[in-house]
């Protein structure tokens, strides 16, 4: 079943074209797009910085490290020298806290030492204002 849209008179008149050929229009648009892409200048994504000229800062010096050994019986040794009591430990910690550029304190407890002895040294260091303190392992003590 079809439908004829032409004239019914059957004359020599040509039929009206109802479809538009869009292929040439698409070709022209693609050519224009390619020409546009080619003619656009390439943009560089860079930022110009004016860096300050000058001398680099002097190299930093190595920090002074004090090793605090806490033995299984609670004896505290400062850099290998045994301290008699807790007052001497606090005196050494106060000296470190008074320094403008504080030395580092490395606490090395024995694996058998009671927690209270280690906590007492750490609490005294914190109370006196020691900023650079840490727990480190020691092969002869921790194992």
Protein backbone atom coordinates (compact mmCIF):
# COMPACT_ATOMS: atom_id res chain seq x y z
CA UNK A 1 0.00 0.00 0.00
CA UNK A 2 1.71 3.13 -1.16
CA UNK A 3 0.88 6.77 -1.45
CA UNK A 4 1.60 8.93 -4.48
CA UNK A 5 2.23 12.61 -3.76
CA UNK A 6 2.65 13.71 -7.34
CA UNK A 7 0.16 15.51 -9.54
CA UNK A 8 -2.83 13.52 -10.58
CA UNK A 9 -3.00 15.15 -14.01
CA UNK A 10 -0.20 12.92 -15.28
CA UNK A 11 1.41 15.80 -17.13
CA UNK A 12 5.06 16.42 -17.94
CA UNK A 13 5.69 18.48 -14.81
CA UNK A 14 8.57 17.20 -12.71
CA UNK A 15 7.79 16.12 -9.17
CA UNK A 16 8.76 18.37 -6.27
CA UNK A 17 11.86 17.15 -4.41
CA UNK A 18 10.99 16.65 -0.74
CA UNK A 19 14.46 15.52 0.61
CA UNK A 20 17.39 17.89 1.19
CA UNK A 21 20.88 16.52 0.59
CA UNK A 22 22.93 17.55 3.68
CA UNK A 23 26.20 15.84 2.71
CA UNK A 24 27.74 18.97 1.08
CA UNK A 25 26.83 21.06 4.12
CA UNK A 26 28.55 18.61 6.49
CA UNK A 27 31.64 18.57 4.25
CA UNK A 28 31.86 22.37 4.29
CA UNK A 29 31.48 22.45 8.09
CA UNK A 30 34.26 19.87 8.56
CA UNK A 31 36.60 21.84 6.28
CA UNK A 32 35.89 25.04 8.23
CA UNK A 33 36.49 23.23 11.54
CA UNK A 34 39.85 21.86 10.39
CA UNK A 35 40.91 25.32 9.13
CA UNK A 36 39.93 26.84 12.47
CA UNK A 37 41.95 24.27 14.43
CA UNK A 38 45.02 24.81 12.24
CA UNK A 39 44.93 28.59 12.44
CA UNK A 40 44.49 28.88 16.23
CA UNK A 41 47.83 29.79 17.80
CA UNK A 42 49.26 27.23 20.19
CA UNK A 43 49.06 28.42 23.78
CA UNK A 44 51.87 27.63 26.16
CA UNK A 45 50.85 26.82 29.70
CA UNK A 46 53.80 28.23 31.56
CA UNK A 47 54.19 30.71 34.36
CA UNK A 48 57.13 33.09 34.46
CA UNK A 49 58.56 33.38 37.96
CA UNK A 50 61.07 35.90 39.17
CA UNK A 51 63.12 33.84 41.59
CA UNK A 52 65.10 35.69 44.24
CA UNK A 53 68.82 35.78 43.76
CA UNK A 54 71.01 35.23 46.76
CA UNK A 55 73.14 32.84 48.70
CA UNK A 56 71.63 29.60 49.95
CA UNK A 57 71.34 29.24 53.71
CA UNK A 58 74.28 27.63 55.48
CA UNK A 59 74.07 23.88 55.97
CA UNK A 60 72.43 22.80 59.17
CA UNK A 61 74.61 21.25 61.82
CA UNK A 62 74.04 17.77 63.13
CA UNK A 63 72.06 17.74 66.39
CA UNK A 64 73.72 16.73 69.62
CA UNK A 65 72.26 13.41 70.78
CA UNK A 66 72.21 12.25 74.40
CA UNK A 67 71.43 8.60 75.04
CA UNK A 68 69.55 7.76 78.21
CA UNK A 69 69.73 4.06 79.10
CA UNK A 70 67.25 2.69 81.63
CA UNK A 71 68.39 -0.67 82.97
CA UNK A 72 66.14 -3.50 84.23
CA UNK A 73 66.53 -2.39 87.88
CA UNK A 74 65.59 1.25 87.09
CA UNK A 75 69.17 2.56 86.97
CA UNK A 76 69.42 5.51 84.59
CA UNK A 77 72.63 6.06 82.60
CA UNK A 78 73.26 9.34 80.77
CA UNK A 79 75.61 8.81 77.80
CA UNK A 80 77.04 5.71 79.51
CA UNK A 81 77.52 7.31 82.94
CA UNK A 82 75.23 5.97 85.69
CA UNK A 83 73.27 8.62 87.59
CA UNK A 84 72.81 8.14 91.34
CA UNK A 85 69.17 9.24 91.70
CA UNK A 86 66.19 10.83 89.96
CA UNK A 87 67.32 14.34 91.01
CA UNK A 88 70.44 14.01 88.84
CA UNK A 89 68.27 12.89 85.90
CA UNK A 90 66.09 15.98 86.34
CA UNK A 91 69.17 18.21 86.58
CA UNK A 92 70.48 16.86 83.25
CA UNK A 93 67.05 17.27 81.65
CA UNK A 94 66.82 20.85 82.96
CA UNK A 95 70.19 21.63 81.34
CA UNK A 96 68.90 20.34 77.99
CA UNK A 97 65.64 22.29 78.32
CA UNK A 98 67.58 25.52 79.02
CA UNK A 99 69.55 25.29 75.76
CA UNK A 100 68.33 27.63 72.98
CA UNK A 101 68.77 24.86 70.37
CA UNK A 102 67.91 21.77 72.38
CA UNK A 103 69.82 18.52 72.05
CA UNK A 104 67.98 15.32 71.27
CA UNK A 105 67.23 12.79 73.99
CA UNK A 106 67.13 9.12 72.91
CA UNK A 107 65.64 6.93 75.62
CA UNK A 108 66.73 3.28 75.37
CA UNK A 109 64.98 1.12 77.96
CA UNK A 110 65.82 -2.47 78.82
CA UNK A 111 63.09 -4.92 77.88
CA UNK A 112 62.75 -5.98 81.54
CA UNK A 113 62.45 -2.49 83.04
CA UNK A 114 59.16 -1.57 84.71
CA UNK A 115 56.98 0.87 82.81
CA UNK A 116 56.91 3.26 85.79
CA UNK A 117 60.66 3.92 85.57
CA UNK A 118 60.48 4.83 81.88
CA UNK A 119 57.34 6.91 82.40
CA UNK A 120 59.02 8.84 85.25
CA UNK A 121 61.92 9.89 83.00
CA UNK A 122 59.59 10.86 80.16
CA UNK A 123 57.25 12.80 82.47
CA UNK A 124 60.20 14.70 83.99
CA UNK A 125 61.47 15.60 80.51
CA UNK A 126 58.04 16.83 79.45
CA UNK A 127 57.53 18.79 82.67
CA UNK A 128 60.92 20.52 82.31
CA UNK A 129 60.27 21.49 78.67
CA UNK A 130 62.41 19.07 76.65
CA UNK A 131 61.08 19.20 73.08
CA UNK A 132 63.25 16.64 71.24
CA UNK A 133 62.79 13.28 72.91
CA UNK A 134 62.10 9.81 71.59
CA UNK A 135 62.22 6.09 72.33
CA UNK A 136 64.73 4.10 70.32
CA UNK A 137 65.63 0.43 70.29
CA UNK A 138 69.00 -0.82 71.37
CA UNK A 139 70.25 -4.26 70.41
CA UNK A 140 71.94 -4.95 73.73
CA UNK A 141 69.01 -3.70 75.80
CA UNK A 142 65.84 -4.51 73.84
CA UNK A 143 66.67 -8.07 72.78
